[in-house]
Amino acid sequence: MKVIKPAPMTRDEFNAKVADLGLSRRELCKRIGVGKSAVDNYALGRAPVPLTVMLALLALEHGLHPDFPAETAA
């Protein structure tokens, strides 16, 4: 079975997605449970955006809370 990996998210894609969601970096931290320094590093391109963060952004984009898929985001 061939494993398919998603393409890495660039800092520009990360920043655009956060802007599209209308979230500040601080708000994003609270929503996805990631520290501010980590989010700052993704936004500045100092660290790659982990798959878990990419999935959390996708969940938020679709109105889901990343930790509780059955609930909608507030």
Foldseek 3Di string as FASTA:
>chain_A
DDDDDDDWQALVNVVVLCVVLVHDLVRLCVQLVHDSVVSVCSNVVVDTDDPLSVVCSVCLVVQARSVGRVDGDD
